[in-house]
N, C-alpha and C. Protein backbone atom coordinates (compact mmCIF):
# COMPACT_ATOMS: atom_id res chain seq x y z
N UNK A 1 26.74 -23.09 -6.75
CA UNK A 1 26.27 -24.45 -6.60
C UNK A 1 26.96 -25.34 -7.63
N UNK A 2 27.57 -26.40 -7.18
CA UNK A 2 28.28 -27.32 -8.05
C UNK A 2 27.30 -28.23 -8.80
N UNK A 3 27.63 -28.52 -10.04
CA UNK A 3 26.82 -29.42 -10.84
C UNK A 3 27.47 -30.81 -10.77
N UNK A 4 26.69 -31.80 -10.44
CA UNK A 4 27.19 -33.17 -10.32
C UNK A 4 27.12 -33.89 -11.66
N UNK A 5 28.07 -34.78 -11.90
CA UNK A 5 28.04 -35.64 -13.08
C UNK A 5 27.00 -36.72 -12.85
N UNK A 6 26.03 -36.82 -13.73
CA UNK A 6 24.94 -37.78 -13.58
C UNK A 6 25.37 -39.14 -14.14
N UNK A 7 25.87 -40.01 -13.27
CA UNK A 7 26.43 -41.30 -13.70
C UNK A 7 25.37 -42.32 -14.09
N UNK A 8 24.10 -42.03 -13.87
CA UNK A 8 23.06 -42.98 -14.26
C UNK A 8 22.65 -42.81 -15.73
N UNK A 9 23.10 -41.73 -16.37
CA UNK A 9 22.75 -41.50 -17.77
C UNK A 9 23.54 -42.43 -18.69
N UNK A 10 22.89 -42.98 -19.72
CA UNK A 10 23.59 -43.88 -20.64
C UNK A 10 24.80 -43.22 -21.32
N UNK A 11 24.69 -41.94 -21.65
CA UNK A 11 25.81 -41.27 -22.31
C UNK A 11 27.01 -41.16 -21.37
N UNK A 12 26.78 -40.86 -20.12
CA UNK A 12 27.88 -40.78 -19.15
C UNK A 12 28.53 -42.14 -18.98
N UNK A 13 27.73 -43.19 -18.90
CA UNK A 13 28.30 -44.54 -18.76
C UNK A 13 29.12 -44.90 -20.00
N UNK A 14 28.66 -44.51 -21.19
CA UNK A 14 29.41 -44.79 -22.42
C UNK A 14 30.74 -44.06 -22.41
N UNK A 15 30.73 -42.77 -22.02
CA UNK A 15 31.98 -42.01 -21.94
C UNK A 15 32.93 -42.64 -20.93
N UNK A 16 32.40 -43.10 -19.80
CA UNK A 16 33.25 -43.75 -18.79
C UNK A 16 33.86 -45.04 -19.34
N UNK A 17 33.11 -45.77 -20.16
CA UNK A 17 33.64 -46.97 -20.80
C UNK A 17 34.76 -46.61 -21.78
N UNK A 18 34.56 -45.56 -22.56
CA UNK A 18 35.61 -45.09 -23.47
C UNK A 18 36.89 -44.75 -22.70
N UNK A 19 36.74 -44.09 -21.55
CA UNK A 19 37.90 -43.72 -20.73
C UNK A 19 38.58 -44.97 -20.18
N UNK A 20 37.81 -45.87 -19.60
CA UNK A 20 38.37 -47.08 -18.99
C UNK A 20 39.09 -47.95 -20.01
N UNK A 21 38.48 -48.13 -21.19
CA UNK A 21 39.04 -49.00 -22.22
C UNK A 21 40.06 -48.29 -23.12
N UNK A 22 40.24 -46.97 -22.92
CA UNK A 22 41.14 -46.16 -23.75
C UNK A 22 40.81 -46.30 -25.24
N UNK A 23 39.52 -46.25 -25.52
CA UNK A 23 39.01 -46.37 -26.88
C UNK A 23 39.38 -45.13 -27.69
N UNK A 24 39.91 -45.34 -28.89
CA UNK A 24 40.18 -44.22 -29.80
C UNK A 24 38.83 -43.68 -30.27
N UNK A 25 38.65 -42.38 -30.15
CA UNK A 25 37.40 -41.78 -30.59
C UNK A 25 37.68 -40.61 -31.53
N UNK A 26 36.68 -40.32 -32.32
CA UNK A 26 36.70 -39.15 -33.19
C UNK A 26 35.66 -38.19 -32.65
N UNK A 27 36.05 -36.92 -32.53
CA UNK A 27 35.14 -35.88 -32.08
C UNK A 27 35.05 -34.83 -33.17
N UNK A 28 33.84 -34.55 -33.61
CA UNK A 28 33.65 -33.46 -34.56
C UNK A 28 33.07 -32.29 -33.80
N UNK A 29 33.71 -31.15 -33.93
CA UNK A 29 33.26 -29.95 -33.25
C UNK A 29 32.26 -29.19 -34.10
N UNK A 30 31.54 -28.28 -33.49
CA UNK A 30 30.58 -27.47 -34.23
C UNK A 30 31.27 -26.55 -35.22
N UNK A 31 32.58 -26.39 -35.11
CA UNK A 31 33.37 -25.60 -36.06
C UNK A 31 33.80 -26.42 -37.28
N UNK A 32 33.39 -27.69 -37.31
CA UNK A 32 33.75 -28.69 -38.33
C UNK A 32 35.16 -29.24 -38.18
N UNK A 33 35.91 -28.84 -37.14
CA UNK A 33 37.20 -29.47 -36.86
C UNK A 33 36.94 -30.88 -36.36
N UNK A 34 37.83 -31.81 -36.72
CA UNK A 34 37.71 -33.20 -36.29
C UNK A 34 38.97 -33.55 -35.50
N UNK A 35 38.77 -34.07 -34.28
CA UNK A 35 39.87 -34.46 -33.41
C UNK A 35 39.79 -35.96 -33.15
N UNK A 36 40.94 -36.60 -33.03
CA UNK A 36 40.99 -38.03 -32.75
C UNK A 36 41.93 -38.26 -31.57
N UNK A 37 41.56 -39.17 -30.70
CA UNK A 37 42.40 -39.50 -29.55
C UNK A 37 41.61 -40.32 -28.55
N UNK A 38 42.05 -40.28 -27.30
CA UNK A 38 41.37 -41.00 -26.23
C UNK A 38 40.89 -40.01 -25.18
N UNK A 39 39.74 -40.31 -24.59
CA UNK A 39 39.23 -39.45 -23.52
C UNK A 39 40.04 -39.69 -22.25
N UNK A 40 40.42 -38.63 -21.58
CA UNK A 40 41.14 -38.74 -20.32
C UNK A 40 40.18 -38.58 -19.15
N UNK A 41 39.28 -37.60 -19.23
CA UNK A 41 38.29 -37.38 -18.19
C UNK A 41 37.10 -36.59 -18.74
N UNK A 42 36.00 -36.63 -17.99
CA UNK A 42 34.82 -35.83 -18.31
C UNK A 42 34.29 -35.24 -17.00
N UNK A 43 33.64 -34.10 -17.11
CA UNK A 43 32.87 -33.53 -16.01
C UNK A 43 31.56 -33.05 -16.62
N UNK A 44 30.69 -32.44 -15.86
CA UNK A 44 29.39 -32.06 -16.44
C UNK A 44 29.47 -31.06 -17.60
N UNK A 45 30.55 -30.31 -17.73
CA UNK A 45 30.63 -29.26 -18.74
C UNK A 45 31.72 -29.51 -19.77
N UNK A 46 32.83 -30.09 -19.36
CA UNK A 46 34.00 -30.25 -20.22
C UNK A 46 34.44 -31.71 -20.33
N UNK A 47 35.25 -31.98 -21.36
CA UNK A 47 35.93 -33.27 -21.47
C UNK A 47 37.36 -33.00 -21.93
N UNK A 48 38.23 -33.95 -21.70
CA UNK A 48 39.63 -33.81 -22.08
C UNK A 48 40.01 -34.97 -22.99
N UNK A 49 40.51 -34.63 -24.18
CA UNK A 49 40.95 -35.60 -25.17
C UNK A 49 42.48 -35.56 -25.23
N UNK A 50 43.11 -36.73 -25.29
CA UNK A 50 44.56 -36.82 -25.47
C UNK A 50 44.80 -37.27 -26.90
N UNK A 51 45.51 -36.45 -27.68
CA UNK A 51 45.74 -36.78 -29.08
C UNK A 51 46.99 -37.64 -29.26
N UNK A 52 47.34 -37.96 -30.49
CA UNK A 52 48.47 -38.84 -30.80
C UNK A 52 49.80 -38.26 -30.32
N UNK A 53 49.91 -36.95 -30.23
CA UNK A 53 51.13 -36.28 -29.76
C UNK A 53 51.13 -36.13 -28.23
N UNK A 54 50.15 -36.76 -27.57
CA UNK A 54 50.00 -36.72 -26.12
C UNK A 54 49.64 -35.33 -25.59
N UNK A 55 49.08 -34.49 -26.46
CA UNK A 55 48.58 -33.17 -26.03
C UNK A 55 47.18 -33.35 -25.48
N UNK A 56 46.90 -32.67 -24.37
CA UNK A 56 45.57 -32.70 -23.78
C UNK A 56 44.77 -31.52 -24.31
N UNK A 57 43.59 -31.83 -24.83
CA UNK A 57 42.71 -30.81 -25.41
C UNK A 57 41.43 -30.82 -24.58
N UNK A 58 41.14 -29.70 -23.96
CA UNK A 58 39.93 -29.58 -23.14
C UNK A 58 38.89 -28.83 -23.95
N UNK A 59 37.69 -29.40 -24.04
CA UNK A 59 36.63 -28.77 -24.81
C UNK A 59 35.30 -28.88 -24.07
N UNK A 60 34.45 -27.91 -24.30
CA UNK A 60 33.11 -27.92 -23.72
C UNK A 60 32.23 -28.88 -24.51
N UNK A 61 31.38 -29.60 -23.82
CA UNK A 61 30.44 -30.49 -24.51
C UNK A 61 29.57 -29.71 -25.49
N UNK A 62 29.28 -28.45 -25.18
CA UNK A 62 28.43 -27.64 -26.07
C UNK A 62 29.09 -27.34 -27.41
N UNK A 63 30.41 -27.54 -27.50
CA UNK A 63 31.12 -27.30 -28.77
C UNK A 63 31.24 -28.56 -29.63
N UNK A 64 30.68 -29.66 -29.15
CA UNK A 64 30.85 -30.95 -29.82
C UNK A 64 29.60 -31.32 -30.62
N UNK A 65 29.80 -31.63 -31.90
CA UNK A 65 28.70 -32.08 -32.75
C UNK A 65 28.45 -33.57 -32.54
N UNK A 66 29.54 -34.38 -32.52
CA UNK A 66 29.38 -35.82 -32.25
C UNK A 66 30.68 -36.45 -31.77
N UNK A 67 30.52 -37.61 -31.11
CA UNK A 67 31.59 -38.51 -30.72
C UNK A 67 31.36 -39.80 -31.46
N UNK A 68 32.42 -40.48 -31.87
CA UNK A 68 32.25 -41.85 -32.36
C UNK A 68 33.56 -42.61 -32.20
N UNK A 69 33.47 -43.91 -31.90
CA UNK A 69 34.70 -44.70 -31.81
C UNK A 69 35.31 -44.84 -33.19
N UNK A 70 36.64 -44.90 -33.23
CA UNK A 70 37.35 -45.02 -34.50
C UNK A 70 37.53 -46.50 -34.81
């Protein structure tokens, strides 16, 4: 059974705004690594960040401690 992205949630709408506006964000992982870049896409389980070197980094939402705009 496929899990749908719940677009009525405020967090999903915020992530969609970050994607549309290409907002630079900082993501801190539960491993204490900090990544900076722009969100390319999100789904119910994963998100994809594009860093300054144009590398795409796919991570599970469960591995993320926080997101914040830079």
